[in-house]
All heavy atoms as atom14 arrays in JSON, in Angstrom:
{
  "sequence": "KGLEGVDEFATERIATAVDQGESLVRQTVDAAARIGDRRLEGRIDRL",
  "atom14_mask": [
    [1, 1, 1, 1, 1, 1, 1, 1, 1, 0, 0, 0, 0, 0],
    [1, 1, 1, 1, 0, 0, 0, 0, 0, 0, 0, 0, 0, 0],
    [1, 1, 1, 1, 1, 1, 1, 1, 0, 0, 0, 0, 0, 0],
    [1, 1, 1, 1, 1, 1, 1, 1, 1, 0, 0, 0, 0, 0],
    [1, 1, 1, 1, 0, 0, 0, 0, 0, 0, 0, 0, 0, 0],
    [1, 1, 1, 1, 1, 1, 1, 0, 0, 0, 0, 0, 0, 0],
    [1, 1, 1, 1, 1, 1, 1, 1, 0, 0, 0, 0, 0, 0],
    [1, 1, 1, 1, 1, 1, 1, 1, 1, 0, 0, 0, 0, 0],
    [1, 1, 1, 1, 1, 1, 1, 1, 1, 1, 1, 0, 0, 0],
    [1, 1, 1, 1, 1, 0, 0, 0, 0, 0, 0, 0, 0, 0],
    [1, 1, 1, 1, 1, 1, 1, 0, 0, 0, 0, 0, 0, 0],
    [1, 1, 1, 1, 1, 1, 1, 1, 1, 0, 0, 0, 0, 0],
    [1, 1, 1, 1, 1, 1, 1, 1, 1, 1, 1, 0, 0, 0],
    [1, 1, 1, 1, 1, 1, 1, 1, 0, 0, 0, 0, 0, 0],
    [1, 1, 1, 1, 1, 0, 0, 0, 0, 0, 0, 0, 0, 0],
    [1, 1, 1, 1, 1, 1, 1, 0, 0, 0, 0, 0, 0, 0],
    [1, 1, 1, 1, 1, 0, 0, 0, 0, 0, 0, 0, 0, 0],
    [1, 1, 1, 1, 1, 1, 1, 0, 0, 0, 0, 0, 0, 0],
    [1, 1, 1, 1, 1, 1, 1, 1, 0, 0, 0, 0, 0, 0],
    [1, 1, 1, 1, 1, 1, 1, 1, 1, 0, 0, 0, 0, 0],
    [1, 1, 1, 1, 0, 0, 0, 0, 0, 0, 0, 0, 0, 0],
    [1, 1, 1, 1, 1, 1, 1, 1, 1, 0, 0, 0, 0, 0],
    [1, 1, 1, 1, 1, 1, 0, 0, 0, 0, 0, 0, 0, 0],
    [1, 1, 1, 1, 1, 1, 1, 1, 0, 0, 0, 0, 0, 0],
    [1, 1, 1, 1, 1, 1, 1, 0, 0, 0, 0, 0, 0, 0],
    [1, 1, 1, 1, 1, 1, 1, 1, 1, 1, 1, 0, 0, 0],
    [1, 1, 1, 1, 1, 1, 1, 1, 1, 0, 0, 0, 0, 0],
    [1, 1, 1, 1, 1, 1, 1, 0, 0, 0, 0, 0, 0, 0],
    [1, 1, 1, 1, 1, 1, 1, 0, 0, 0, 0, 0, 0, 0],
    [1, 1, 1, 1, 1, 1, 1, 1, 0, 0, 0, 0, 0, 0],
    [1, 1, 1, 1, 1, 0, 0, 0, 0, 0, 0, 0, 0, 0],
    [1, 1, 1, 1, 1, 0, 0, 0, 0, 0, 0, 0, 0, 0],
    [1, 1, 1, 1, 1, 0, 0, 0, 0, 0, 0, 0, 0, 0],
    [1, 1, 1, 1, 1, 1, 1, 1, 1, 1, 1, 0, 0, 0],
    [1, 1, 1, 1, 1, 1, 1, 1, 0, 0, 0, 0, 0, 0],
    [1, 1, 1, 1, 0, 0, 0, 0, 0, 0, 0, 0, 0, 0],
    [1, 1, 1, 1, 1, 1, 1, 1, 0, 0, 0, 0, 0, 0],
    [1, 1, 1, 1, 1, 1, 1, 1, 1, 1, 1, 0, 0, 0],
    [1, 1, 1, 1, 1, 1, 1, 1, 1, 1, 1, 0, 0, 0],
    [1, 1, 1, 1, 1, 1, 1, 1, 0, 0, 0, 0, 0, 0],
    [1, 1, 1, 1, 1, 1, 1, 1, 1, 0, 0, 0, 0, 0],
    [1, 1, 1, 1, 0, 0, 0, 0, 0, 0, 0, 0, 0, 0],
    [1, 1, 1, 1, 1, 1, 1, 1, 1, 1, 1, 0, 0, 0],
    [1, 1, 1, 1, 1, 1, 1, 1, 0, 0, 0, 0, 0, 0],
    [1, 1, 1, 1, 1, 1, 1, 1, 0, 0, 0, 0, 0, 0],
    [1, 1, 1, 1, 1, 1, 1, 1, 1, 1, 1, 0, 0, 0],
    [1, 1, 1, 1, 1, 1, 1, 1, 0, 0, 0, 0, 0, 0]
  ],
  "atom14_positions": [
    [[-4.81, 7.44, 5.39], [-4.75, 6.36, 6.35], [-3.24, 5.95, 6.42], [-2.58, 5.78, 5.38], [-5.53, 5.11, 5.8], [-7.01, 5.3, 5.92], [-7.77, 3.99, 5.89], [-7.56, 3.25, 4.63], [-8.43, 2.01, 4.59], [0.0, 0.0, 0.0], [0.0, 0.0, 0.0], [0.0, 0.0, 0.0], [0.0, 0.0, 0.0], [0.0, 0.0, 0.0]],
    [[-2.71, 5.72, 7.61], [-1.34, 5.29, 7.72], [-1.11, 4.29, 8.85], [-2.09, 3.8, 9.41], [0.0, 0.0, 0.0], [0.0, 0.0, 0.0], [0.0, 0.0, 0.0], [0.0, 0.0, 0.0], [0.0, 0.0, 0.0], [0.0, 0.0, 0.0], [0.0, 0.0, 0.0], [0.0, 0.0, 0.0], [0.0, 0.0, 0.0], [0.0, 0.0, 0.0]],
    [[0.12, 3.96, 9.11], [0.42, 2.99, 10.12], [0.83, 3.74, 11.38], [1.55, 4.73, 11.36], [1.6, 2.11, 9.66], [1.39, 1.23, 8.47], [2.7, 0.57, 8.02], [0.35, 0.15, 8.83], [0.0, 0.0, 0.0], [0.0, 0.0, 0.0], [0.0, 0.0, 0.0], [0.0, 0.0, 0.0], [0.0, 0.0, 0.0], [0.0, 0.0, 0.0]],
    [[0.33, 3.23, 12.49], [0.72, 3.81, 13.76], [2.16, 3.63, 14.02], [2.72, 2.51, 13.81], [-0.08, 3.12, 14.97], [-1.31, 3.97, 15.47], [-1.94, 3.36, 16.54], [-1.3, 3.3, 17.65], [-3.07, 2.94, 16.44], [0.0, 0.0, 0.0], [0.0, 0.0, 0.0], [0.0, 0.0, 0.0], [0.0, 0.0, 0.0], [0.0, 0.0, 0.0]],
    [[2.88, 4.68, 14.45], [4.29, 4.61, 14.78], [5.13, 4.65, 13.52], [6.39, 4.59, 13.65], [0.0, 0.0, 0.0], [0.0, 0.0, 0.0], [0.0, 0.0, 0.0], [0.0, 0.0, 0.0], [0.0, 0.0, 0.0], [0.0, 0.0, 0.0], [0.0, 0.0, 0.0], [0.0, 0.0, 0.0], [0.0, 0.0, 0.0], [0.0, 0.0, 0.0]],
    [[4.64, 4.82, 12.33], [5.35, 5.01, 11.1], [5.32, 6.45, 10.68], [4.27, 7.04, 10.6], [4.82, 4.08, 9.98], [5.65, 4.32, 8.7], [4.83, 2.65, 10.45], [0.0, 0.0, 0.0], [0.0, 0.0, 0.0], [0.0, 0.0, 0.0], [0.0, 0.0, 0.0], [0.0, 0.0, 0.0], [0.0, 0.0, 0.0], [0.0, 0.0, 0.0]],
    [[6.52, 7.03, 10.4], [6.54, 8.45, 10.08], [5.88, 8.75, 8.75], [5.66, 7.84, 7.93], [7.94, 9.0, 10.1], [8.81, 8.31, 9.06], [8.52, 8.39, 7.88], [9.92, 7.76, 9.46], [0.0, 0.0, 0.0], [0.0, 0.0, 0.0], [0.0, 0.0, 0.0], [0.0, 0.0, 0.0], [0.0, 0.0, 0.0], [0.0, 0.0, 0.0]],
    [[5.64, 10.05, 8.51], [4.94, 10.5, 7.31], [5.68, 10.08, 6.02], [5.0, 9.65, 5.03], [4.76, 11.96, 7.39], [3.92, 12.57, 6.18], [2.48, 12.28, 6.21], [1.98, 11.92, 7.26], [1.86, 12.45, 5.2], [0.0, 0.0, 0.0], [0.0, 0.0, 0.0], [0.0, 0.0, 0.0], [0.0, 0.0, 0.0], [0.0, 0.0, 0.0]],
    [[7.0, 10.2, 6.03], [7.77, 9.86, 4.85], [7.66, 8.42, 4.47], [7.45, 8.03, 3.26], [9.25, 10.24, 5.04], [10.11, 9.82, 3.92], [10.13, 10.57, 2.7], [11.0, 8.79, 4.06], [10.88, 10.18, 1.64], [11.8, 8.39, 2.96], [11.76, 9.2, 1.76], [0.0, 0.0, 0.0], [0.0, 0.0, 0.0], [0.0, 0.0, 0.0]],
    [[7.75, 7.49, 5.49], [7.63, 6.09, 5.22], [6.24, 5.75, 4.76], [6.05, 4.93, 3.88], [7.98, 5.31, 6.52], [0.0, 0.0, 0.0], [0.0, 0.0, 0.0], [0.0, 0.0, 0.0], [0.0, 0.0, 0.0], [0.0, 0.0, 0.0], [0.0, 0.0, 0.0], [0.0, 0.0, 0.0], [0.0, 0.0, 0.0], [0.0, 0.0, 0.0]],
    [[5.24, 6.38, 5.4], [3.83, 6.13, 4.93], [3.69, 6.46, 3.53], [3.01, 5.83, 2.74], [2.87, 6.89, 5.88], [3.03, 6.42, 7.19], [1.47, 6.66, 5.44], [0.0, 0.0, 0.0], [0.0, 0.0, 0.0], [0.0, 0.0, 0.0], [0.0, 0.0, 0.0], [0.0, 0.0, 0.0], [0.0, 0.0, 0.0], [0.0, 0.0, 0.0]],
    [[4.26, 7.6, 3.12], [4.07, 8.1, 1.75], [4.76, 7.12, 0.81], [4.29, 6.9, -0.32], [4.7, 9.53, 1.57], [4.43, 10.2, 0.29], [2.93, 10.58, 0.12], [2.19, 10.62, 1.16], [2.54, 10.79, -1.05], [0.0, 0.0, 0.0], [0.0, 0.0, 0.0], [0.0, 0.0, 0.0], [0.0, 0.0, 0.0], [0.0, 0.0, 0.0]],
    [[5.92, 6.57, 1.16], [6.64, 5.62, 0.31], [5.72, 4.35, 0.1], [5.69, 3.84, -1.0], [7.94, 5.21, 0.98], [9.03, 6.22, 0.85], [10.33, 5.71, 1.38], [10.92, 4.6, 0.55], [11.38, 3.51, 0.95], [11.44, 3.21, 2.24], [11.89, 2.64, 0.06], [0.0, 0.0, 0.0], [0.0, 0.0, 0.0], [0.0, 0.0, 0.0]],
    [[5.19, 3.87, 1.16], [4.29, 2.72, 1.07], [3.13, 2.98, 0.19], [2.79, 2.16, -0.69], [3.78, 2.27, 2.53], [5.02, 1.87, 3.37], [2.81, 1.13, 2.41], [4.68, 1.75, 4.85], [0.0, 0.0, 0.0], [0.0, 0.0, 0.0], [0.0, 0.0, 0.0], [0.0, 0.0, 0.0], [0.0, 0.0, 0.0], [0.0, 0.0, 0.0]],
    [[2.45, 4.15, 0.4], [1.33, 4.47, -0.45], [1.71, 4.62, -1.9], [0.96, 4.13, -2.81], [0.68, 5.78, 0.05], [0.0, 0.0, 0.0], [0.0, 0.0, 0.0], [0.0, 0.0, 0.0], [0.0, 0.0, 0.0], [0.0, 0.0, 0.0], [0.0, 0.0, 0.0], [0.0, 0.0, 0.0], [0.0, 0.0, 0.0], [0.0, 0.0, 0.0]],
    [[2.81, 5.22, -2.18], [3.31, 5.35, -3.58], [3.56, 3.96, -4.17], [3.13, 3.72, -5.33], [4.59, 6.17, -3.66], [4.25, 7.52, -3.13], [5.03, 6.3, -5.11], [0.0, 0.0, 0.0], [0.0, 0.0, 0.0], [0.0, 0.0, 0.0], [0.0, 0.0, 0.0], [0.0, 0.0, 0.0], [0.0, 0.0, 0.0], [0.0, 0.0, 0.0]],
    [[4.22, 3.08, -3.44], [4.57, 1.77, -3.92], [3.27, 0.96, -4.28], [3.1, 0.32, -5.34], [5.41, 0.97, -2.99], [0.0, 0.0, 0.0], [0.0, 0.0, 0.0], [0.0, 0.0, 0.0], [0.0, 0.0, 0.0], [0.0, 0.0, 0.0], [0.0, 0.0, 0.0], [0.0, 0.0, 0.0], [0.0, 0.0, 0.0], [0.0, 0.0, 0.0]],
    [[2.28, 1.04, -3.33], [1.06, 0.3, -3.57], [0.23, 0.9, -4.68], [-0.37, 0.19, -5.51], [0.25, 0.24, -2.24], [-1.17, -0.39, -2.5], [1.01, -0.52, -1.22], [0.0, 0.0, 0.0], [0.0, 0.0, 0.0], [0.0, 0.0, 0.0], [0.0, 0.0, 0.0], [0.0, 0.0, 0.0], [0.0, 0.0, 0.0], [0.0, 0.0, 0.0]],
    [[0.24, 2.24, -4.78], [-0.43, 2.87, -5.95], [0.14, 2.42, -7.29], [-0.63, 2.12, -8.19], [-0.29, 4.46, -5.83], [-1.18, 5.04, -4.77], [-2.12, 4.38, -4.39], [-0.9, 6.21, -4.39], [0.0, 0.0, 0.0], [0.0, 0.0, 0.0], [0.0, 0.0, 0.0], [0.0, 0.0, 0.0], [0.0, 0.0, 0.0], [0.0, 0.0, 0.0]],
    [[1.5, 2.33, -7.33], [2.03, 1.87, -8.54], [1.63, 0.37, -8.9], [1.32, 0.02, -10.0], [3.59, 1.92, -8.48], [4.12, 3.34, -8.43], [5.55, 3.46, -8.18], [6.23, 2.49, -7.73], [6.15, 4.67, -8.32], [0.0, 0.0, 0.0], [0.0, 0.0, 0.0], [0.0, 0.0, 0.0], [0.0, 0.0, 0.0], [0.0, 0.0, 0.0]],
    [[1.67, -0.4, -7.84], [1.24, -1.79, -8.06], [-0.23, -1.91, -8.47], [-0.57, -2.7, -9.38], [0.0, 0.0, 0.0], [0.0, 0.0, 0.0], [0.0, 0.0, 0.0], [0.0, 0.0, 0.0], [0.0, 0.0, 0.0], [0.0, 0.0, 0.0], [0.0, 0.0, 0.0], [0.0, 0.0, 0.0], [0.0, 0.0, 0.0], [0.0, 0.0, 0.0]],
    [[-1.06, -1.15, -7.79], [-2.5, -1.23, -8.09], [-2.72, -0.74, -9.58], [-3.56, -1.29, -10.32], [-3.3, -0.32, -7.17], [-3.39, -0.81, -5.72], [-4.38, -2.02, -5.54], [-4.96, -2.49, -6.56], [-4.55, -2.44, -4.48], [0.0, 0.0, 0.0], [0.0, 0.0, 0.0], [0.0, 0.0, 0.0], [0.0, 0.0, 0.0], [0.0, 0.0, 0.0]],
    [[-2.03, 0.24, -10.02], [-2.04, 0.69, -11.4], [-1.77, -0.43, -12.43], [-2.42, -0.64, -13.41], [-1.19, 1.86, -11.63], [-1.26, 2.33, -12.96], [0.0, 0.0, 0.0], [0.0, 0.0, 0.0], [0.0, 0.0, 0.0], [0.0, 0.0, 0.0], [0.0, 0.0, 0.0], [0.0, 0.0, 0.0], [0.0, 0.0, 0.0], [0.0, 0.0, 0.0]],
    [[-0.67, -1.17, -12.1], [-0.26, -2.28, -12.97], [-1.34, -3.37, -12.94], [-1.61, -3.94, -14.0], [1.07, -2.82, -12.51], [2.29, -1.97, -12.87], [3.51, -2.47, -12.03], [2.6, -1.85, -14.3], [0.0, 0.0, 0.0], [0.0, 0.0, 0.0], [0.0, 0.0, 0.0], [0.0, 0.0, 0.0], [0.0, 0.0, 0.0], [0.0, 0.0, 0.0]],
    [[-1.91, -3.64, -11.84], [-2.95, -4.65, -11.77], [-4.17, -4.25, -12.6], [-4.71, -5.05, -13.34], [-3.38, -4.83, -10.27], [-4.7, -5.59, -10.18], [-2.33, -5.64, -9.51], [0.0, 0.0, 0.0], [0.0, 0.0, 0.0], [0.0, 0.0, 0.0], [0.0, 0.0, 0.0], [0.0, 0.0, 0.0], [0.0, 0.0, 0.0], [0.0, 0.0, 0.0]],
    [[-4.59, -2.99, -12.45], [-5.71, -2.47, -13.29], [-5.45, -2.57, -14.76], [-6.36, -2.97, -15.57], [-6.09, -0.99, -12.95], [-6.76, -0.89, -11.56], [-7.33, 0.53, -11.43], [-6.31, 1.57, -11.48], [-5.61, 1.97, -10.42], [-5.83, 1.47, -9.21], [-4.71, 2.93, -10.58], [0.0, 0.0, 0.0], [0.0, 0.0, 0.0], [0.0, 0.0, 0.0]],
    [[-4.28, -2.22, -15.16], [-3.9, -2.35, -16.64], [-4.01, -3.81, -17.05], [-4.31, -4.1, -18.19], [-2.52, -1.74, -16.85], [-2.39, -0.24, -16.67], [-0.96, 0.27, -16.54], [-0.1, -0.35, -17.15], [-0.78, 1.35, -15.87], [0.0, 0.0, 0.0], [0.0, 0.0, 0.0], [0.0, 0.0, 0.0], [0.0, 0.0, 0.0], [0.0, 0.0, 0.0]],
    [[-3.49, -4.71, -16.19], [-3.51, -6.16, -16.51], [-4.95, -6.65, -16.69], [-5.27, -7.36, -17.58], [-2.77, -6.94, -15.42], [-1.4, -6.46, -15.33], [-2.76, -8.38, -15.75], [0.0, 0.0, 0.0], [0.0, 0.0, 0.0], [0.0, 0.0, 0.0], [0.0, 0.0, 0.0], [0.0, 0.0, 0.0], [0.0, 0.0, 0.0], [0.0, 0.0, 0.0]],
    [[-5.77, -6.29, -15.76], [-7.22, -6.71, -15.77], [-7.89, -6.09, -17.05], [-8.68, -6.86, -17.76], [-7.89, -6.32, -14.52], [-9.4, -6.55, -14.66], [-7.39, -7.05, -13.28], [0.0, 0.0, 0.0], [0.0, 0.0, 0.0], [0.0, 0.0, 0.0], [0.0, 0.0, 0.0], [0.0, 0.0, 0.0], [0.0, 0.0, 0.0], [0.0, 0.0, 0.0]],
    [[-7.62, -4.93, -17.38], [-8.19, -4.33, -18.56], [-7.79, -5.02, -19.81], [-8.57, -5.31, -20.78], [-7.78, -2.84, -18.62], [-8.52, -1.93, -17.61], [-9.45, -2.38, -17.02], [-8.04, -0.83, -17.42], [0.0, 0.0, 0.0], [0.0, 0.0, 0.0], [0.0, 0.0, 0.0], [0.0, 0.0, 0.0], [0.0, 0.0, 0.0], [0.0, 0.0, 0.0]],
    [[-6.46, -5.34, -19.87], [-5.96, -6.14, -21.03], [-6.55, -7.56, -21.08], [-6.91, -8.0, -22.17], [-4.37, -6.25, -20.95], [0.0, 0.0, 0.0], [0.0, 0.0, 0.0], [0.0, 0.0, 0.0], [0.0, 0.0, 0.0], [0.0, 0.0, 0.0], [0.0, 0.0, 0.0], [0.0, 0.0, 0.0], [0.0, 0.0, 0.0], [0.0, 0.0, 0.0]],
    [[-6.75, -8.19, -19.97], [-7.33, -9.57, -19.93], [-8.78, -9.52, -20.45], [-9.23, -10.45, -21.09], [-7.33, -10.04, -18.53], [0.0, 0.0, 0.0], [0.0, 0.0, 0.0], [0.0, 0.0, 0.0], [0.0, 0.0, 0.0], [0.0, 0.0, 0.0], [0.0, 0.0, 0.0], [0.0, 0.0, 0.0], [0.0, 0.0, 0.0], [0.0, 0.0, 0.0]],
    [[-9.49, -8.38, -20.13], [-10.85, -8.31, -20.64], [-10.93, -8.32, -22.17], [-11.98, -8.72, -22.72], [-11.5, -7.03, -20.08], [0.0, 0.0, 0.0], [0.0, 0.0, 0.0], [0.0, 0.0, 0.0], [0.0, 0.0, 0.0], [0.0, 0.0, 0.0], [0.0, 0.0, 0.0], [0.0, 0.0, 0.0], [0.0, 0.0, 0.0], [0.0, 0.0, 0.0]],
    [[-9.91, -7.87, -22.86], [-9.87, -7.88, -24.33], [-9.7, -9.26, -24.93], [-9.9, -9.46, -26.08], [-8.85, -6.89, -24.81], [-9.01, -5.45, -24.43], [-8.13, -4.53, -25.23], [-6.75, -4.64, -24.81], [-5.73, -5.07, -25.63], [-6.01, -5.51, -26.81], [-4.52, -5.07, -25.16], [0.0, 0.0, 0.0], [0.0, 0.0, 0.0], [0.0, 0.0, 0.0]],
    [[-9.22, -10.25, -24.04], [-9.01, -11.55, -24.59], [-10.32, -12.25, -24.87], [-10.43, -12.99, -25.88], [-8.17, -12.41, -23.61], [-6.78, -11.78, -23.43], [-8.0, -13.8, -24.08], [-5.94, -12.38, -22.32], [0.0, 0.0, 0.0], [0.0, 0.0, 0.0], [0.0, 0.0, 0.0], [0.0, 0.0, 0.0], [0.0, 0.0, 0.0], [0.0, 0.0, 0.0]],
    [[-11.31, -12.02, -24.05], [-12.62, -12.66, -24.25], [-12.67, -14.1, -23.85], [-13.45, -14.87, -24.47], [0.0, 0.0, 0.0], [0.0, 0.0, 0.0], [0.0, 0.0, 0.0], [0.0, 0.0, 0.0], [0.0, 0.0, 0.0], [0.0, 0.0, 0.0], [0.0, 0.0, 0.0], [0.0, 0.0, 0.0], [0.0, 0.0, 0.0], [0.0, 0.0, 0.0]],
    [[-11.88, -14.51, -22.91], [-11.92, -15.89, -22.43], [-11.98, -15.95, -20.93], [-11.1, -15.49, -20.21], [-10.58, -16.64, -22.91], [-10.57, -18.07, -22.58], [-10.75, -18.45, -21.35], [-10.43, -18.94, -23.5], [0.0, 0.0, 0.0], [0.0, 0.0, 0.0], [0.0, 0.0, 0.0], [0.0, 0.0, 0.0], [0.0, 0.0, 0.0], [0.0, 0.0, 0.0]],
    [[-13.16, -16.43, -20.46], [-13.4, -16.33, -19.02], [-12.42, -17.14, -18.19], [-12.04, -16.76, -17.09], [-14.86, -16.8, -18.71], [-15.91, -15.81, -19.05], [-17.31, -16.31, -18.76], [-18.27, -15.23, -18.82], [-18.71, -14.6, -17.77], [-18.29, -14.89, -16.6], [-19.58, -13.58, -17.88], [0.0, 0.0, 0.0], [0.0, 0.0, 0.0], [0.0, 0.0, 0.0]],
    [[-12.04, -18.35, -18.71], [-11.08, -19.09, -17.97], [-9.72, -18.41, -17.74], [-9.24, -18.35, -16.66], [-10.82, -20.43, -18.64], [-10.03, -21.44, -17.88], [-9.95, -22.77, -18.59], [-9.24, -22.7, -19.84], [-7.94, -22.73, -19.94], [-7.15, -22.9, -18.82], [-7.32, -22.64, -21.11], [0.0, 0.0, 0.0], [0.0, 0.0, 0.0], [0.0, 0.0, 0.0]],
    [[-9.21, -17.76, -18.85], [-7.96, -17.04, -18.7], [-8.12, -15.84, -17.79], [-7.25, -15.55, -17.06], [-7.45, -16.67, -20.11], [-6.85, -17.75, -20.97], [-6.4, -17.17, -22.32], [-5.62, -18.32, -20.23], [0.0, 0.0, 0.0], [0.0, 0.0, 0.0], [0.0, 0.0, 0.0], [0.0, 0.0, 0.0], [0.0, 0.0, 0.0], [0.0, 0.0, 0.0]],
    [[-9.2, -15.14, -17.99], [-9.47, -14.02, -17.09], [-9.49, -14.41, -15.67], [-9.06, -13.67, -14.79], [-10.86, -13.37, -17.49], [-10.78, -12.51, -18.82], [-12.08, -11.86, -19.06], [-12.64, -11.22, -18.14], [-12.66, -12.0, -20.2], [0.0, 0.0, 0.0], [0.0, 0.0, 0.0], [0.0, 0.0, 0.0], [0.0, 0.0, 0.0], [0.0, 0.0, 0.0]],
    [[-10.11, -15.6, -15.36], [-10.11, -16.07, -14.02], [-8.72, -16.31, -13.42], [-8.39, -15.94, -12.32], [0.0, 0.0, 0.0], [0.0, 0.0, 0.0], [0.0, 0.0, 0.0], [0.0, 0.0, 0.0], [0.0, 0.0, 0.0], [0.0, 0.0, 0.0], [0.0, 0.0, 0.0], [0.0, 0.0, 0.0], [0.0, 0.0, 0.0], [0.0, 0.0, 0.0]],
    [[-7.85, -16.93, -14.26], [-6.47, -17.12, -13.84], [-5.74, -15.85, -13.53], [-4.98, -15.71, -12.54], [-5.71, -17.96, -14.93], [-6.14, -19.36, -15.03], [-5.3, -20.06, -16.05], [-3.95, -20.28, -15.63], [-2.96, -20.94, -16.31], [-3.29, -21.43, -17.5], [-1.74, -21.06, -15.84], [0.0, 0.0, 0.0], [0.0, 0.0, 0.0], [0.0, 0.0, 0.0]],
    [[-5.9, -14.84, -14.44], [-5.3, -13.52, -14.25], [-5.83, -12.83, -13.05], [-5.06, -12.21, -12.26], [-5.49, -12.7, -15.53], [-4.71, -13.31, -16.73], [-4.97, -11.3, -15.33], [-5.15, -12.83, -18.13], [0.0, 0.0, 0.0], [0.0, 0.0, 0.0], [0.0, 0.0, 0.0], [0.0, 0.0, 0.0], [0.0, 0.0, 0.0], [0.0, 0.0, 0.0]],
    [[-7.2, -12.96, -12.78], [-7.72, -12.33, -11.63], [-7.09, -12.96, -10.37], [-6.82, -12.26, -9.38], [-9.22, -12.63, -11.6], [-10.0, -11.59, -12.47], [-9.36, -10.6, -12.91], [-11.12, -11.97, -12.86], [0.0, 0.0, 0.0], [0.0, 0.0, 0.0], [0.0, 0.0, 0.0], [0.0, 0.0, 0.0], [0.0, 0.0, 0.0], [0.0, 0.0, 0.0]],
    [[-6.92, -14.25, -10.3], [-6.28, -14.91, -9.19], [-4.85, -14.43, -8.96], [-4.42, -14.21, -7.81], [-6.31, -16.4, -9.36], [-7.68, -16.95, -9.15], [-7.69, -18.51, -9.01], [-7.29, -19.16, -10.22], [-8.13, -19.42, -11.25], [-9.42, -19.18, -11.13], [-7.71, -20.12, -12.31], [0.0, 0.0, 0.0], [0.0, 0.0, 0.0], [0.0, 0.0, 0.0]],
    [[-4.14, -14.27, -10.1], [-2.73, -13.76, -9.98], [-2.73, -12.33, -9.33], [-1.96, -11.98, -8.55], [-2.09, -13.79, -11.33], [-1.6, -15.11, -11.84], [-1.17, -15.04, -13.32], [-0.3, -15.56, -11.07], [0.0, 0.0, 0.0], [0.0, 0.0, 0.0], [0.0, 0.0, 0.0], [0.0, 0.0, 0.0], [0.0, 0.0, 0.0], [0.0, 0.0, 0.0]]
  ]
}
């Protein structure tokens, strides 16, 4: 999936940047699950 009018190279850069960000988010959520505090987990989820 890409953006109309955006070349393949730019689309790949966007996808790579978002993939990296999503990976950091998943690692954060996994770490938060180890805390065992629903209130803190909720704050982290919102962030």
